[in-house]
């Protein structure tokens, strides 16, 4: 039976900035436009965090029963290591999805019922990333779905439940591009690290399909997209949003490592640095637009 510390590791806490950052950015835009609705922002955070934990456990379960995690470079996996029974990890995944659904239900009931459909699609996408007979994560589509759900949907959704003003949603969409690009960069770095084992396991991620050199260029391009999106947010809202430029410190360090040809375990710090960069971008936009709203 897995220890509590192993369950925490299995939830992959280093990935949680990808869940926090979009809610911070979306709430910052809402605050700039109308004033944040803090209890809705908190519920949006619960939804985002629970979905992230759920997808992490779901991936652990699905990859584990397929044998994809038999020879891993990255963090410990519960099923692949034999620390936990597959059924227990599957139940943990659906428990997390249940928490997300409960918080999302409250948001839908107090905003718009059609949001339930968005939530349902998000849970289905989380499960079938590596689950089911034809997981899209094994077909090179993981980055697309991360961009959509942890970028576009998460940021604009957070803004929408707090304000439906058009100018706010426009700025949120641009912010979502930047947040989504960095969320994709985390996955690109992860898959670049795992290319040797994924290729053997038949997991045709985008990194496996593109090859080493083009995957590294893709990573650098995603960092550039995040910078351009941040400049766009500042142009649409306030120069204070440029506080988000602090994300460049860890992003540039990670970019040098990737473009320098690091591989295997040497890419593990890149995942952490990219996650920190995404969190700093979201936090910078959040704080900057709060200041803009107060002045």
C-alpha atoms as a PDB file:
ATOM      1  CA  UNK A   1       0.000   0.000   0.000  1.00  0.00           C
ATOM      2  CA  UNK A   2       1.347   3.405  -0.969  1.00  0.00           C
ATOM      3  CA  UNK A   3       2.321   5.782   1.795  1.00  0.00           C
ATOM      4  CA  UNK A   4       0.756   9.254   2.044  1.00  0.00           C
ATOM      5  CA  UNK A   5       3.993  10.823   0.802  1.00  0.00           C
ATOM      6  CA  UNK A   6       3.886   8.579  -2.272  1.00  0.00           C
ATOM      7  CA  UNK A   7       0.306   9.616  -3.029  1.00  0.00           C
ATOM      8  CA  UNK A   8       1.457  13.226  -2.848  1.00  0.00           C
ATOM      9  CA  UNK A   9       4.305  12.449  -5.257  1.00  0.00           C
ATOM     10  CA  UNK A  10       1.821  10.659  -7.517  1.00  0.00           C
ATOM     11  CA  UNK A  11      -0.282  13.827  -7.684  1.00  0.00           C
ATOM     12  CA  UNK A  12       2.840  15.483  -9.179  1.00  0.00           C
ATOM     13  CA  UNK A  13       2.756  18.736  -7.197  1.00  0.00           C
ATOM     14  CA  UNK A  14       5.360  20.324  -9.484  1.00  0.00           C
ATOM     15  CA  UNK A  15       2.712  20.417 -12.216  1.00  0.00           C
ATOM     16  CA  UNK A  16       0.255  22.421 -10.112  1.00  0.00           C
ATOM     17  CA  UNK A  17       1.523  25.857 -11.261  1.00  0.00           C
ATOM     18  CA  UNK A  18      -0.113  24.967 -14.589  1.00  0.00           C
ATOM     19  CA  UNK A  19      -3.432  24.918 -12.722  1.00  0.00           C
ATOM     20  CA  UNK A  20      -2.863  28.017 -10.584  1.00  0.00           C
ATOM     21  CA  UNK A  21      -1.489  30.347 -13.276  1.00  0.00           C
ATOM     22  CA  UNK A  22      -4.577  30.475 -15.533  1.00  0.00           C
ATOM     23  CA  UNK A  23      -6.874  31.285 -12.630  1.00  0.00           C
ATOM     24  CA  UNK A  24      -4.571  34.090 -11.480  1.00  0.00           C
ATOM     25  CA  UNK A  25      -4.383  35.572 -14.986  1.00  0.00           C
ATOM     26  CA  UNK A  26      -8.130  35.303 -15.576  1.00  0.00           C
ATOM     27  CA  UNK A  27      -8.929  36.840 -12.203  1.00  0.00           C
ATOM     28  CA  UNK A  28      -6.507  39.690 -12.853  1.00  0.00           C
ATOM     29  CA  UNK A  29      -8.300  40.534 -16.093  1.00  0.00           C
ATOM     30  CA  UNK A  30     -11.667  40.360 -14.328  1.00  0.00           C
ATOM     31  CA  UNK A  31     -10.400  42.679 -11.590  1.00  0.00           C
ATOM     32  CA  UNK A  32      -9.198  45.181 -14.193  1.00  0.00           C
ATOM     33  CA  UNK A  33     -12.586  45.149 -15.929  1.00  0.00           C
ATOM     34  CA  UNK A  34     -15.179  44.980 -13.170  1.00  0.00           C
ATOM     35  CA  UNK A  35     -13.614  43.908  -9.942  1.00  0.00           C
ATOM     36  CA  UNK A  36     -12.920  40.293  -9.106  1.00  0.00           C
ATOM     37  CA  UNK A  37     -15.608  38.094  -7.563  1.00  0.00           C
ATOM     38  CA  UNK A  38     -13.350  36.406  -5.078  1.00  0.00           C
ATOM     39  CA  UNK A  39     -15.507  33.447  -4.088  1.00  0.00           C
ATOM     40  CA  UNK A  40     -15.922  32.551  -7.755  1.00  0.00           C
ATOM     41  CA  UNK A  41     -12.183  32.919  -8.279  1.00  0.00           C
ATOM     42  CA  UNK A  42     -11.632  30.512  -5.380  1.00  0.00           C
ATOM     43  CA  UNK A  43     -14.041  27.969  -6.861  1.00  0.00           C
ATOM     44  CA  UNK A  44     -12.340  28.299 -10.247  1.00  0.00           C
ATOM     45  CA  UNK A  45      -9.048  27.551  -8.494  1.00  0.00           C
ATOM     46  CA  UNK A  46     -10.549  24.425  -6.921  1.00  0.00           C
ATOM     47  CA  UNK A  47     -11.797  23.265 -10.330  1.00  0.00           C
ATOM     48  CA  UNK A  48      -8.429  23.843 -11.976  1.00  0.00           C
ATOM     49  CA  UNK A  49      -6.357  22.208  -9.241  1.00  0.00           C
ATOM     50  CA  UNK A  50      -8.683  19.208  -8.965  1.00  0.00           C
ATOM     51  CA  UNK A  51      -8.609  18.663 -12.731  1.00  0.00           C
ATOM     52  CA  UNK A  52      -4.799  18.817 -12.724  1.00  0.00           C
ATOM     53  CA  UNK A  53      -4.517  16.296  -9.900  1.00  0.00           C
ATOM     54  CA  UNK A  54      -7.149  14.125 -11.576  1.00  0.00           C
ATOM     55  CA  UNK A  55      -5.361  14.060 -14.912  1.00  0.00           C
ATOM     56  CA  UNK A  56      -2.069  13.261 -13.160  1.00  0.00           C
ATOM     57  CA  UNK A  57      -3.569  10.250 -11.389  1.00  0.00           C
ATOM     58  CA  UNK A  58      -5.390   9.223 -14.583  1.00  0.00           C
ATOM     59  CA  UNK A  59      -2.123   9.313 -16.527  1.00  0.00           C
ATOM     60  CA  UNK A  60      -0.414   7.331 -13.789  1.00  0.00           C
ATOM     61  CA  UNK A  61      -3.123   4.670 -13.996  1.00  0.00           C
ATOM     62  CA  UNK A  62      -3.370   4.457 -17.782  1.00  0.00           C
ATOM     63  CA  UNK A  63       0.367   4.550 -18.476  1.00  0.00           C
ATOM     64  CA  UNK A  64       0.965   2.095 -15.653  1.00  0.00           C
ATOM     65  CA  UNK A  65      -1.408  -0.593 -16.894  1.00  0.00           C
ATOM     66  CA  UNK A  66       0.024  -0.228 -20.418  1.00  0.00           C
ATOM     67  CA  UNK A  67       3.587  -0.677 -19.158  1.00  0.00           C
ATOM     68  CA  UNK A  68       4.669   2.721 -20.492  1.00  0.00           C
ATOM     69  CA  UNK A  69       6.093   3.629 -17.065  1.00  0.00           C
ATOM     70  CA  UNK A  70       8.191   0.476 -16.705  1.00  0.00           C
ATOM     71  CA  UNK A  71      11.414   2.403 -17.350  1.00  0.00           C
ATOM     72  CA  UNK A  72      10.948   6.050 -16.410  1.00  0.00           C
ATOM     73  CA  UNK A  73      13.404   8.920 -16.040  1.00  0.00           C
ATOM     74  CA  UNK A  74      10.960  11.310 -14.368  1.00  0.00           C
ATOM     75  CA  UNK A  75       9.066  11.342 -11.067  1.00  0.00           C
ATOM     76  CA  UNK A  76       7.871   8.181  -9.368  1.00  0.00           C
ATOM     77  CA  UNK A  77       4.603   6.732 -10.672  1.00  0.00           C
ATOM     78  CA  UNK A  78       2.300   4.862  -8.327  1.00  0.00           C
ATOM     79  CA  UNK A  79       1.191   2.073 -10.675  1.00  0.00           C
ATOM     80  CA  UNK A  80       4.408   1.764 -12.655  1.00  0.00           C
ATOM     81  CA  UNK A  81       6.485   1.416  -9.484  1.00  0.00           C
ATOM     82  CA  UNK A  82       4.060  -1.025  -7.894  1.00  0.00           C
ATOM     83  CA  UNK A  83       3.497   1.282  -4.917  1.00  0.00           C
ATOM     84  CA  UNK A  84      -0.285   1.316  -5.391  1.00  0.00           C
ATOM     85  CA  UNK A  85      -2.895  -0.914  -6.999  1.00  0.00           C
ATOM     86  CA  UNK A  86      -4.188   0.354 -10.360  1.00  0.00           C
ATOM     87  CA  UNK A  87      -7.771   0.375  -9.086  1.00  0.00           C
ATOM     88  CA  UNK A  88      -6.850   2.632  -6.175  1.00  0.00           C
ATOM     89  CA  UNK A  89      -5.133   5.128  -8.475  1.00  0.00           C
ATOM     90  CA  UNK A  90      -8.129   5.087 -10.819  1.00  0.00           C
ATOM     91  CA  UNK A  91     -10.457   5.821  -7.902  1.00  0.00           C
ATOM     92  CA  UNK A  92      -8.201   8.683  -6.806  1.00  0.00           C
ATOM     93  CA  UNK A  93      -8.410  10.161 -10.302  1.00  0.00           C
ATOM     94  CA  UNK A  94     -12.198  10.056 -10.342  1.00  0.00           C
ATOM     95  CA  UNK A  95     -12.381  11.427  -6.804  1.00  0.00           C
ATOM     96  CA  UNK A  96     -10.403  14.461  -7.976  1.00  0.00           C
ATOM     97  CA  UNK A  97     -12.666  14.805 -11.015  1.00  0.00           C
ATOM     98  CA  UNK A  98     -15.621  14.674  -8.626  1.00  0.00           C
ATOM     99  CA  UNK A  99     -14.245  17.580  -6.600  1.00  0.00           C
ATOM    100  CA  UNK A 100     -13.799  19.567  -9.814  1.00  0.00           C
ATOM    101  CA  UNK A 101     -17.357  18.720 -10.888  1.00  0.00           C
ATOM    102  CA  UNK A 102     -18.850  19.805  -7.566  1.00  0.00           C
ATOM    103  CA  UNK A 103     -17.094  23.186  -7.615  1.00  0.00           C
ATOM    104  CA  UNK A 104     -17.919  23.607 -11.301  1.00  0.00           C
ATOM    105  CA  UNK A 105     -21.587  22.896 -10.623  1.00  0.00           C
ATOM    106  CA  UNK A 106     -21.748  25.829  -8.219  1.00  0.00           C
ATOM    107  CA  UNK A 107     -20.088  28.101 -10.775  1.00  0.00           C
ATOM    108  CA  UNK A 108     -22.486  26.966 -13.493  1.00  0.00           C
ATOM    109  CA  UNK A 109     -25.531  27.434 -11.262  1.00  0.00           C
ATOM    110  CA  UNK A 110     -24.499  31.003 -10.472  1.00  0.00           C
ATOM    111  CA  UNK A 111     -23.251  31.958 -13.946  1.00  0.00           C
ATOM    112  CA  UNK A 112     -24.582  29.921 -16.896  1.00  0.00           C
ATOM    113  CA  UNK A 113     -25.705  26.311 -17.107  1.00  0.00           C
ATOM    114  CA  UNK A 114     -23.920  25.720 -20.409  1.00  0.00           C
ATOM    115  CA  UNK A 115     -20.672  25.751 -18.423  1.00  0.00           C
ATOM    116  CA  UNK A 116     -21.589  22.225 -17.316  1.00  0.00           C
ATOM    117  CA  UNK A 117     -20.933  21.064 -20.870  1.00  0.00           C
ATOM    118  CA  UNK A 118     -17.508  22.709 -20.813  1.00  0.00           C
ATOM    119  CA  UNK A 119     -16.731  20.979 -17.540  1.00  0.00           C
ATOM    120  CA  UNK A 120     -17.862  17.602 -18.834  1.00  0.00           C
ATOM    121  CA  UNK A 121     -15.701  17.926 -21.946  1.00  0.00           C
ATOM    122  CA  UNK A 122     -12.752  18.930 -19.756  1.00  0.00           C
ATOM    123  CA  UNK A 123     -13.092  15.770 -17.634  1.00  0.00           C
ATOM    124  CA  UNK A 124     -13.443  13.568 -20.714  1.00  0.00           C
ATOM    125  CA  UNK A 125     -10.348  15.185 -22.242  1.00  0.00           C
ATOM    126  CA  UNK A 126      -8.438  14.656 -18.997  1.00  0.00           C
ATOM    127  CA  UNK A 127      -9.269  10.943 -18.924  1.00  0.00           C
ATOM    128  CA  UNK A 128      -8.648  10.166 -22.579  1.00  0.00           C
ATOM    129  CA  UNK A 129      -5.277  11.900 -22.682  1.00  0.00           C
ATOM    130  CA  UNK A 130      -3.749   8.524 -21.887  1.00  0.00           C
ATOM    131  CA  UNK A 131      -6.923   6.526 -21.154  1.00  0.00           C
ATOM    132  CA  UNK A 132      -9.150   4.448 -23.377  1.00  0.00           C
ATOM    133  CA  UNK A 133      -8.235   2.292 -26.345  1.00  0.00           C
ATOM    134  CA  UNK A 134      -6.970   5.215 -28.474  1.00  0.00           C
ATOM    135  CA  UNK A 135      -5.505   7.874 -26.151  1.00  0.00           C
ATOM    136  CA  UNK A 136      -4.849  11.134 -27.966  1.00  0.00           C
ATOM    137  CA  UNK A 137      -1.691  11.724 -25.910  1.00  0.00           C
ATOM    138  CA  UNK A 138      -0.181   8.727 -27.708  1.00  0.00           C
ATOM    139  CA  UNK A 139      -1.028  10.310 -31.057  1.00  0.00           C
ATOM    140  CA  UNK A 140       0.846  13.594 -30.602  1.00  0.00           C
ATOM    141  CA  UNK A 141      -2.190  15.694 -29.654  1.00  0.00           C
ATOM    142  CA  UNK A 142      -1.385  16.274 -25.985  1.00  0.00           C
ATOM    143  CA  UNK A 143       0.016  19.774 -26.521  1.00  0.00           C
ATOM    144  CA  UNK A 144      -3.097  20.851 -28.423  1.00  0.00           C
ATOM    145  CA  UNK A 145      -5.408  19.785 -25.629  1.00  0.00           C
ATOM    146  CA  UNK A 146      -3.209  21.320 -22.930  1.00  0.00           C
ATOM    147  CA  UNK A 147      -3.280  24.621 -24.814  1.00  0.00           C
ATOM    148  CA  UNK A 148      -7.060  24.468 -25.163  1.00  0.00           C
ATOM    149  CA  UNK A 149      -8.024  23.357 -21.657  1.00  0.00           C
ATOM    150  CA  UNK A 150      -5.247  24.710 -19.427  1.00  0.00           C
ATOM    151  CA  UNK A 151      -4.883  27.847 -21.542  1.00  0.00           C
ATOM    152  CA  UNK A 152      -7.933  29.033 -23.446  1.00  0.00           C
ATOM    153  CA  UNK A 153     -10.666  27.405 -21.366  1.00  0.00           C
ATOM    154  CA  UNK A 154      -9.085  27.933 -17.950  1.00  0.00           C
ATOM    155  CA  UNK A 155      -8.203  31.624 -18.360  1.00  0.00           C
ATOM    156  CA  UNK A 156     -11.254  32.815 -20.287  1.00  0.00           C
ATOM    157  CA  UNK A 157     -13.527  30.643 -18.151  1.00  0.00           C
ATOM    158  CA  UNK A 158     -12.135  32.189 -14.965  1.00  0.00           C
ATOM    159  CA  UNK A 159     -12.745  35.657 -16.359  1.00  0.00           C
ATOM    160  CA  UNK A 160     -16.211  34.805 -17.685  1.00  0.00           C
ATOM    161  CA  UNK A 161     -17.592  33.527 -14.373  1.00  0.00           C
ATOM    162  CA  UNK A 162     -16.592  36.850 -12.809  1.00  0.00           C
ATOM    163  CA  UNK A 163     -17.490  39.237 -15.655  1.00  0.00           C
ATOM    164  CA  UNK A 164     -18.898  38.819 -19.172  1.00  0.00           C
ATOM    165  CA  UNK A 165     -17.711  42.182 -20.515  1.00  0.00           C
ATOM    166  CA  UNK A 166     -16.409  41.896 -24.070  1.00  0.00           C
ATOM    167  CA  UNK A 167     -13.198  43.822 -23.539  1.00  0.00           C
ATOM    168  CA  UNK A 168     -12.384  41.663 -20.527  1.00  0.00           C
ATOM    169  CA  UNK A 169     -12.910  38.445 -22.485  1.00  0.00           C
ATOM    170  CA  UNK A 170     -10.742  39.751 -25.327  1.00  0.00           C
ATOM    171  CA  UNK A 171      -7.875  40.497 -22.952  1.00  0.00           C
ATOM    172  CA  UNK A 172      -8.432  37.153 -21.227  1.00  0.00           C
ATOM    173  CA  UNK A 173      -8.148  35.358 -24.562  1.00  0.00           C
ATOM    174  CA  UNK A 174      -4.773  36.966 -25.266  1.00  0.00           C
ATOM    175  CA  UNK A 175      -3.591  36.135 -21.738  1.00  0.00           C
ATOM    176  CA  UNK A 176      -4.813  32.584 -22.306  1.00  0.00           C
ATOM    177  CA  UNK A 177      -2.543  32.248 -25.338  1.00  0.00           C
ATOM    178  CA  UNK A 178       0.479  33.111 -23.185  1.00  0.00           C
ATOM    179  CA  UNK A 179      -0.507  30.848 -20.312  1.00  0.00           C
ATOM    180  CA  UNK A 180      -1.393  28.041 -22.710  1.00  0.00           C
ATOM    181  CA  UNK A 181       1.939  28.370 -24.516  1.00  0.00           C
ATOM    182  CA  UNK A 182       3.862  27.871 -21.278  1.00  0.00           C
ATOM    183  CA  UNK A 183       1.621  24.980 -20.236  1.00  0.00           C
ATOM    184  CA  UNK A 184       2.457  23.392 -23.597  1.00  0.00           C
ATOM    185  CA  UNK A 185       6.144  24.095 -23.025  1.00  0.00           C
ATOM    186  CA  UNK A 186       6.015  22.060 -19.808  1.00  0.00           C
ATOM    187  CA  UNK A 187       4.597  19.102 -21.710  1.00  0.00           C
ATOM    188  CA  UNK A 188       7.059  19.560 -24.584  1.00  0.00           C
ATOM    189  CA  UNK A 189       9.991  19.449 -22.149  1.00  0.00           C
ATOM    190  CA  UNK A 190       8.493  16.420 -20.406  1.00  0.00           C
ATOM    191  CA  UNK A 191       8.023  14.565 -23.680  1.00  0.00           C
ATOM    192  CA  UNK A 192      11.471  15.579 -24.933  1.00  0.00           C
ATOM    193  CA  UNK A 193      12.949  13.947 -21.842  1.00  0.00           C
ATOM    194  CA  UNK A 194      10.910  10.781 -22.422  1.00  0.00           C
ATOM    195  CA  UNK A 195      11.510  10.387 -26.191  1.00  0.00           C
ATOM    196  CA  UNK A 196      13.730   7.267 -25.873  1.00  0.00           C
ATOM    197  CA  UNK A 197      11.308   5.342 -23.630  1.00  0.00           C
ATOM    198  CA  UNK A 198       8.158   6.627 -25.347  1.00  0.00           C
ATOM    199  CA  UNK A 199       9.457   5.545 -28.756  1.00  0.00           C
ATOM    200  CA  UNK A 200      10.087   2.021 -27.465  1.00  0.00           C
ATOM    201  CA  UNK A 201       6.645   1.914 -25.822  1.00  0.00           C
ATOM    202  CA  UNK A 202       4.914   3.088 -29.016  1.00  0.00           C
ATOM    203  CA  UNK A 203       3.817   6.357 -27.430  1.00  0.00           C
ATOM    204  CA  UNK A 204       3.969   8.696 -30.423  1.00  0.00           C
ATOM    205  CA  UNK A 205       4.016  12.033 -28.632  1.00  0.00           C
ATOM    206  CA  UNK A 206       4.608  15.225 -30.558  1.00  0.00           C
ATOM    207  CA  UNK A 207       8.255  15.110 -29.481  1.00  0.00           C
ATOM    208  CA  UNK A 208       8.650  11.608 -30.885  1.00  0.00           C
ATOM    209  CA  UNK A 209       7.026  12.706 -34.148  1.00  0.00           C
ATOM    210  CA  UNK A 210       9.030  15.923 -34.509  1.00  0.00           C
ATOM    211  CA  UNK A 211      12.384  14.563 -33.427  1.00  0.00           C
ATOM    212  CA  UNK A 212      14.929  16.083 -31.087  1.00  0.00           C
ATOM    213  CA  UNK A 213      16.004  19.246 -32.922  1.00  0.00           C
ATOM    214  CA  UNK A 214      12.542  20.424 -33.938  1.00  0.00           C
ATOM    215  CA  UNK A 215      11.137  19.717 -30.481  1.00  0.00           C
ATOM    216  CA  UNK A 216      13.774  21.961 -28.953  1.00  0.00           C
ATOM    217  CA  UNK A 217      12.906  24.732 -31.424  1.00  0.00           C
ATOM    218  CA  UNK A 218       9.228  24.280 -30.596  1.00  0.00           C
ATOM    219  CA  UNK A 219       9.992  24.785 -26.906  1.00  0.00           C
ATOM    220  CA  UNK A 220      11.821  28.050 -27.636  1.00  0.00           C
ATOM    221  CA  UNK A 221       8.986  29.178 -29.895  1.00  0.00           C
ATOM    222  CA  UNK A 222       6.431  28.631 -27.128  1.00  0.00           C
ATOM    223  CA  UNK A 223       8.452  30.880 -24.810  1.00  0.00           C
ATOM    224  CA  UNK A 224       8.397  33.564 -27.518  1.00  0.00           C
ATOM    225  CA  UNK A 225       4.628  33.211 -27.922  1.00  0.00           C
ATOM    226  CA  UNK A 226       4.186  33.714 -24.175  1.00  0.00           C
ATOM    227  CA  UNK A 227       6.220  36.933 -24.321  1.00  0.00           C
ATOM    228  CA  UNK A 228       4.241  38.297 -27.277  1.00  0.00           C
ATOM    229  CA  UNK A 229       0.958  37.434 -25.583  1.00  0.00           C
ATOM    230  CA  UNK A 230       2.008  39.277 -22.435  1.00  0.00           C
ATOM    231  CA  UNK A 231       2.818  42.375 -24.491  1.00  0.00           C
ATOM    232  CA  UNK A 232      -0.624  42.050 -26.046  1.00  0.00           C
ATOM    233  CA  UNK A 233      -2.319  41.888 -22.643  1.00  0.00           C
ATOM    234  CA  UNK A 234      -0.495  45.038 -21.572  1.00  0.00           C
ATOM    235  CA  UNK A 235      -1.610  46.812 -24.762  1.00  0.00           C
ATOM    236  CA  UNK A 236      -5.250  45.810 -24.189  1.00  0.00           C
ATOM    237  CA  UNK A 237      -5.360  46.536 -20.459  1.00  0.00           C
ATOM    238  CA  UNK A 238      -2.595  48.401 -18.642  1.00  0.00           C
ATOM    239  CA  UNK A 239       1.216  48.636 -18.688  1.00  0.00           C
ATOM    240  CA  UNK A 240       1.046  47.260 -15.165  1.00  0.00           C
ATOM    241  CA  UNK A 241       0.473  43.832 -16.716  1.00  0.00           C
ATOM    242  CA  UNK A 242       4.137  43.941 -17.714  1.00  0.00           C
ATOM    243  CA  UNK A 243       4.950  42.867 -14.172  1.00  0.00           C
ATOM    244  CA  UNK A 244       4.505  39.467 -15.761  1.00  0.00           C
ATOM    245  CA  UNK A 245       7.870  39.936 -17.489  1.00  0.00           C
ATOM    246  CA  UNK A 246       9.390  38.419 -14.368  1.00  0.00           C
ATOM    247  CA  UNK A 247       8.575  35.069 -15.987  1.00  0.00           C
ATOM    248  CA  UNK A 248      11.541  35.583 -18.303  1.00  0.00           C
ATOM    249  CA  UNK A 249      14.082  34.857 -15.557  1.00  0.00           C
ATOM    250  CA  UNK A 250      13.286  31.126 -15.216  1.00  0.00           C
ATOM    251  CA  UNK A 251      12.064  30.844 -18.822  1.00  0.00           C
ATOM    252  CA  UNK A 252      15.321  32.028 -20.357  1.00  0.00           C
ATOM    253  CA  UNK A 253      17.337  29.782 -18.063  1.00  0.00           C
ATOM    254  CA  UNK A 254      15.211  26.797 -19.095  1.00  0.00           C
ATOM    255  CA  UNK A 255      15.420  27.808 -22.741  1.00  0.00           C
ATOM    256  CA  UNK A 256      19.212  27.837 -22.658  1.00  0.00           C
ATOM    257  CA  UNK A 257      19.212  24.340 -21.171  1.00  0.00           C
ATOM    258  CA  UNK A 258      16.870  22.976 -23.837  1.00  0.00           C
ATOM    259  CA  UNK A 259      18.632  24.657 -26.749  1.00  0.00           C
ATOM    260  CA  UNK A 260      21.962  23.553 -25.285  1.00  0.00           C
ATOM    261  CA  UNK A 261      21.062  19.930 -25.982  1.00  0.00           C
ATOM    262  CA  UNK A 262      20.368  18.640 -22.464  1.00  0.00           C
ATOM    263  CA  UNK A 263      18.523  15.338 -22.312  1.00  0.00           C
ATOM    264  CA  UNK A 264      17.257  12.719 -19.894  1.00  0.00           C
ATOM    265  CA  UNK A 265      17.475  13.658 -16.193  1.00  0.00           C
ATOM    266  CA  UNK A 266      19.105  16.989 -17.125  1.00  0.00           C
ATOM    267  CA  UNK A 267      15.707  18.114 -18.431  1.00  0.00           C
ATOM    268  CA  UNK A 268      13.925  17.561 -15.114  1.00  0.00           C
ATOM    269  CA  UNK A 269      14.914  21.047 -13.806  1.00  0.00           C
ATOM    270  CA  UNK A 270      13.540  22.489 -17.066  1.00  0.00           C
ATOM    271  CA  UNK A 271      10.075  21.214 -16.186  1.00  0.00           C
ATOM    272  CA  UNK A 272      10.258  22.913 -12.798  1.00  0.00           C
ATOM    273  CA  UNK A 273      11.632  26.160 -14.245  1.00  0.00           C
ATOM    274  CA  UNK A 274       8.945  26.247 -16.938  1.00  0.00           C
ATOM    275  CA  UNK A 275       6.247  25.680 -14.338  1.00  0.00           C
ATOM    276  CA  UNK A 276       7.658  28.519 -12.245  1.00  0.00           C
ATOM    277  CA  UNK A 277       7.751  30.721 -15.365  1.00  0.00           C
ATOM    278  CA  UNK A 278       4.059  30.038 -16.030  1.00  0.00           C
ATOM    279  CA  UNK A 279       3.173  30.756 -12.424  1.00  0.00           C
ATOM    280  CA  UNK A 280       5.150  34.017 -12.482  1.00  0.00           C
ATOM    281  CA  UNK A 281       3.462  35.107 -15.709  1.00  0.00           C
ATOM    282  CA  UNK A 282       0.027  34.493 -14.239  1.00  0.00           C
ATOM    283  CA  UNK A 283       0.938  36.101 -10.927  1.00  0.00           C
ATOM    284  CA  UNK A 284       2.504  39.115 -12.641  1.00  0.00           C
ATOM    285  CA  UNK A 285      -0.628  39.728 -14.712  1.00  0.00           C
ATOM    286  CA  UNK A 286      -2.770  39.226 -11.622  1.00  0.00           C
ATOM    287  CA  UNK A 287      -0.863  41.649  -9.405  1.00  0.00           C
ATOM    288  CA  UNK A 288      -0.312  44.180 -12.195  1.00  0.00           C
ATOM    289  CA  UNK A 289      -3.979  44.363 -13.127  1.00  0.00           C
ATOM    290  CA  UNK A 290      -5.029  44.553  -9.495  1.00  0.00           C
ATOM    291  CA  UNK A 291      -2.777  47.593  -9.173  1.00  0.00           C
ATOM    292  CA  UNK A 292      -4.204  49.015 -12.408  1.00  0.00           C
ATOM    293  CA  UNK A 293      -7.761  48.554 -11.118  1.00  0.00           C
ATOM    294  CA  UNK A 294      -6.911  50.322  -7.864  1.00  0.00           C
ATOM    295  CA  UNK A 295      -5.315  53.390  -9.481  1.00  0.00           C
END
